Amino acid sequence: MLIIDTSHPIYRPLWVRLLIVGFCAGWAIIEFVNHEIFWATVVGGVAVYAAYVLLITFKPPPEKVEEPASVPPDEA
């Protein structure tokens, strides 16, 4: 089951993937510090899942190579 569509081009740069995982982990820490254990667990689970999908098992899709459009010869 794939919840995060890793074929989307936004996930290609490493800094974007690190930002997503870091944001979720930071949010989980804030919830834990505020004694919201349920939300800390939920967001921590999201952070772990995002780290697994976006950092550990991430395989970037192949880059698209655009071929030049063929122009039909002019008929005279």
C-alpha atoms as a PDB file:
ATOM      1  CA  MET A   1       0.000   0.000   0.000  1.00  0.00           C
ATOM      2  CA  LEU A   2       1.524   3.260  -1.130  1.00  0.00           C
ATOM      3  CA  ILE A   3       0.225   6.354   0.630  1.00  0.00           C
ATOM      4  CA  ILE A   4       2.975   8.675  -0.611  1.00  0.00           C
ATOM      5  CA  ASP A   5       3.245   8.819  -4.409  1.00  0.00           C
ATOM      6  CA  THR A   6       7.023   8.747  -4.768  1.00  0.00           C
ATOM      7  CA  SER A   7       6.825   9.086  -8.537  1.00  0.00           C
ATOM      8  CA  HIS A   8       5.784  12.737  -8.191  1.00  0.00           C
ATOM      9  CA  PRO A   9       8.649  15.062  -9.205  1.00  0.00           C
ATOM     10  CA  ILE A  10       8.417  17.089  -5.964  1.00  0.00           C
ATOM     11  CA  TYR A  11      10.077  14.195  -4.082  1.00  0.00           C
ATOM     12  CA  ARG A  12      13.157  14.034  -6.350  1.00  0.00           C
ATOM     13  CA  PRO A  13      15.338  16.533  -4.358  1.00  0.00           C
ATOM     14  CA  LEU A  14      16.749  15.114  -1.134  1.00  0.00           C
ATOM     15  CA  TRP A  15      16.177  18.353   0.783  1.00  0.00           C
ATOM     16  CA  VAL A  16      12.402  18.120   0.207  1.00  0.00           C
ATOM     17  CA  ARG A  17      12.283  14.583   1.568  1.00  0.00           C
ATOM     18  CA  LEU A  18      14.415  15.538   4.580  1.00  0.00           C
ATOM     19  CA  LEU A  19      12.206  18.570   5.234  1.00  0.00           C
ATOM     20  CA  ILE A  20       9.048  16.437   5.287  1.00  0.00           C
ATOM     21  CA  VAL A  21      10.533  13.855   7.648  1.00  0.00           C
ATOM     22  CA  GLY A  22      12.092  16.531   9.874  1.00  0.00           C
ATOM     23  CA  PHE A  23       8.848  18.485  10.098  1.00  0.00           C
ATOM     24  CA  CYS A  24       6.882  15.406  11.144  1.00  0.00           C
ATOM     25  CA  ALA A  25       9.521  14.369  13.678  1.00  0.00           C
ATOM     26  CA  GLY A  26       9.663  17.888  15.113  1.00  0.00           C
ATOM     27  CA  TRP A  27       5.900  18.013  15.397  1.00  0.00           C
ATOM     28  CA  ALA A  28       5.916  14.676  17.236  1.00  0.00           C
ATOM     29  CA  ILE A  29       8.521  15.991  19.683  1.00  0.00           C
ATOM     30  CA  ILE A  30       6.452  19.123  20.343  1.00  0.00           C
ATOM     31  CA  GLU A  31       3.363  16.997  21.023  1.00  0.00           C
ATOM     32  CA  PHE A  32       5.354  14.758  23.374  1.00  0.00           C
ATOM     33  CA  VAL A  33       6.765  17.748  25.286  1.00  0.00           C
ATOM     34  CA  ASN A  34       3.215  19.077  25.699  1.00  0.00           C
ATOM     35  CA  HIS A  35       2.129  15.693  27.144  1.00  0.00           C
ATOM     36  CA  GLU A  36      -0.134  14.899  24.195  1.00  0.00           C
ATOM     37  CA  ILE A  37       0.955  11.279  23.997  1.00  0.00           C
ATOM     38  CA  PHE A  38      -1.759  10.192  21.553  1.00  0.00           C
ATOM     39  CA  TRP A  39      -0.908  12.865  18.973  1.00  0.00           C
ATOM     40  CA  ALA A  40       2.804  12.360  19.534  1.00  0.00           C
ATOM     41  CA  THR A  41       2.341   8.687  18.708  1.00  0.00           C
ATOM     42  CA  VAL A  42       0.230   9.407  15.624  1.00  0.00           C
ATOM     43  CA  VAL A  43       2.590  12.015  14.190  1.00  0.00           C
ATOM     44  CA  GLY A  44       5.620   9.969  15.201  1.00  0.00           C
ATOM     45  CA  GLY A  45       4.192   7.070  13.226  1.00  0.00           C
ATOM     46  CA  VAL A  46       3.734   9.353  10.231  1.00  0.00           C
ATOM     47  CA  ALA A  47       7.352  10.486  10.607  1.00  0.00           C
ATOM     48  CA  VAL A  48       8.606   6.901  10.741  1.00  0.00           C
ATOM     49  CA  TYR A  49       6.521   5.930   7.708  1.00  0.00           C
ATOM     50  CA  ALA A  50       7.694   9.009   5.771  1.00  0.00           C
ATOM     51  CA  ALA A  51      11.317   8.253   6.658  1.00  0.00           C
ATOM     52  CA  TYR A  52      10.919   4.669   5.489  1.00  0.00           C
ATOM     53  CA  VAL A  53       9.243   5.577   2.190  1.00  0.00           C
ATOM     54  CA  LEU A  54      11.090   8.813   1.362  1.00  0.00           C
ATOM     55  CA  LEU A  55      14.581   8.034   2.659  1.00  0.00           C
ATOM     56  CA  ILE A  56      15.143   4.296   2.999  1.00  0.00           C
ATOM     57  CA  THR A  57      13.241   2.703   0.107  1.00  0.00           C
ATOM     58  CA  PHE A  58      13.073   5.726  -2.230  1.00  0.00           C
ATOM     59  CA  LYS A  59      14.011   5.016  -5.825  1.00  0.00           C
ATOM     60  CA  PRO A  60      13.710   8.077  -8.046  1.00  0.00           C
ATOM     61  CA  PRO A  61      11.741   7.563 -11.242  1.00  0.00           C
ATOM     62  CA  PRO A  62      13.801   7.608 -14.428  1.00  0.00           C
ATOM     63  CA  GLU A  63      14.230  11.032 -15.932  1.00  0.00           C
ATOM     64  CA  LYS A  64      12.212  11.704 -19.032  1.00  0.00           C
ATOM     65  CA  VAL A  65      14.314  12.256 -22.117  1.00  0.00           C
ATOM     66  CA  GLU A  66      12.551  14.438 -24.608  1.00  0.00           C
ATOM     67  CA  GLU A  67      13.247  13.622 -28.199  1.00  0.00           C
ATOM     68  CA  PRO A  68      13.180  16.490 -30.651  1.00  0.00           C
ATOM     69  CA  ALA A  69       9.972  16.636 -32.603  1.00  0.00           C
ATOM     70  CA  SER A  70      10.394  15.452 -36.133  1.00  0.00           C
ATOM     71  CA  VAL A  71       9.439  18.081 -38.666  1.00  0.00           C
ATOM     72  CA  PRO A  72       7.925  16.713 -41.857  1.00  0.00           C
ATOM     73  CA  PRO A  73       9.807  17.771 -44.975  1.00  0.00           C
ATOM     74  CA  ASP A  74       8.292  20.641 -46.913  1.00  0.00           C
ATOM     75  CA  GLU A  75       6.590  19.564 -50.060  1.00  0.00           C
ATOM     76  CA  ALA A  76       7.296  21.831 -53.008  1.00  0.00           C
END
